[in-house]
């Protein structure tokens, strides 16, 4: 376990969804990548609204969200 892991414990649900986005994007499954990203956005908002994420997690996942928004822009048929 890394020294920084205790400071930013990643959310398993969000990480699973992001894994799907990355894998589907890498395999050029555009529709599935977009679907997984939408699922990630919905779960992220739900977790924020229910105070299930701390400030560091929110900041981290906002950065990840921005990265994927740029990466997936125009990623459709």
Protein backbone atom coordinates (compact mmCIF):
# COMPACT_ATOMS: atom_id res chain seq x y z
CA UNK A 1 0.00 0.00 0.00
CA UNK A 2 1.35 3.39 -1.00
CA UNK A 3 1.80 6.18 1.47
CA UNK A 4 -0.77 8.35 -0.34
CA UNK A 5 -3.43 5.65 -0.59
CA UNK A 6 -4.73 6.40 2.91
CA UNK A 7 -5.23 10.05 1.91
CA UNK A 8 -7.23 9.31 -1.24
CA UNK A 9 -9.17 6.11 -1.05
CA UNK A 10 -10.71 5.67 -4.46
CA UNK A 11 -14.34 4.69 -4.76
CA UNK A 12 -14.71 1.11 -6.03
CA UNK A 13 -17.98 1.76 -7.89
CA UNK A 14 -16.59 4.75 -9.75
CA UNK A 15 -13.33 2.97 -10.51
CA UNK A 16 -15.23 0.02 -11.99
CA UNK A 17 -17.21 2.34 -14.27
CA UNK A 18 -14.06 4.19 -15.31
CA UNK A 19 -12.40 0.88 -16.06
CA UNK A 20 -15.27 0.12 -18.43
CA UNK A 21 -14.88 3.50 -20.12
CA UNK A 22 -11.14 3.01 -20.61
CA UNK A 23 -11.44 -0.57 -21.86
CA UNK A 24 -14.26 0.17 -24.27
CA UNK A 25 -12.55 3.30 -25.59
CA UNK A 26 -9.30 1.38 -26.10
CA UNK A 27 -11.16 -1.32 -28.03
CA UNK A 28 -13.04 1.31 -30.08
CA UNK A 29 -16.44 0.31 -28.63
CA UNK A 30 -17.72 3.87 -28.89
CA UNK A 31 -21.32 3.32 -27.79
CA UNK A 32 -20.29 1.26 -24.78
CA UNK A 33 -17.63 3.80 -23.77
CA UNK A 34 -20.22 6.60 -23.92
CA UNK A 35 -22.72 4.50 -21.92
CA UNK A 36 -20.15 3.68 -19.23
CA UNK A 37 -19.13 7.34 -19.00
CA UNK A 38 -22.77 8.38 -18.60
CA UNK A 39 -23.15 5.74 -15.87
CA UNK A 40 -20.02 7.13 -14.20
CA UNK A 41 -21.43 10.68 -14.29
CA UNK A 42 -24.74 9.56 -12.79
CA UNK A 43 -23.06 7.56 -10.01
CA UNK A 44 -20.61 10.40 -9.30
CA UNK A 45 -23.47 12.88 -8.87
CA UNK A 46 -25.41 10.43 -6.71
CA UNK A 47 -22.44 9.83 -4.43
CA UNK A 48 -21.75 13.58 -4.12
CA UNK A 49 -25.40 14.34 -3.31
CA UNK A 50 -25.44 11.65 -0.62
CA UNK A 51 -22.13 12.85 0.90
CA UNK A 52 -20.43 9.53 0.17
CA UNK A 53 -17.26 11.17 -1.18
CA UNK A 54 -14.79 13.37 0.64
CA UNK A 55 -13.41 16.60 -0.82
CA UNK A 56 -10.23 14.97 -2.14
CA UNK A 57 -12.24 12.29 -3.91
CA UNK A 58 -14.57 14.89 -5.42
CA UNK A 59 -11.60 16.89 -6.69
CA UNK A 60 -9.93 13.77 -8.09
CA UNK A 61 -13.05 12.53 -9.88
CA UNK A 62 -13.80 16.03 -11.23
CA UNK A 63 -10.36 15.97 -12.85
CA UNK A 64 -11.01 12.48 -14.24
CA UNK A 65 -14.41 13.63 -15.50
CA UNK A 66 -12.82 16.58 -17.33
CA UNK A 67 -10.19 14.31 -18.87
CA UNK A 68 -12.76 11.87 -20.22
CA UNK A 69 -15.07 14.64 -21.42
CA UNK A 70 -12.24 15.87 -23.65
CA UNK A 71 -11.17 12.37 -24.67
CA UNK A 72 -14.68 11.24 -25.57
CA UNK A 73 -15.69 14.47 -27.33
CA UNK A 74 -16.81 13.45 -30.79
CA UNK A 75 -16.42 9.77 -29.89
CA UNK A 76 -19.44 8.46 -31.76
CA UNK A 77 -20.36 6.92 -35.09
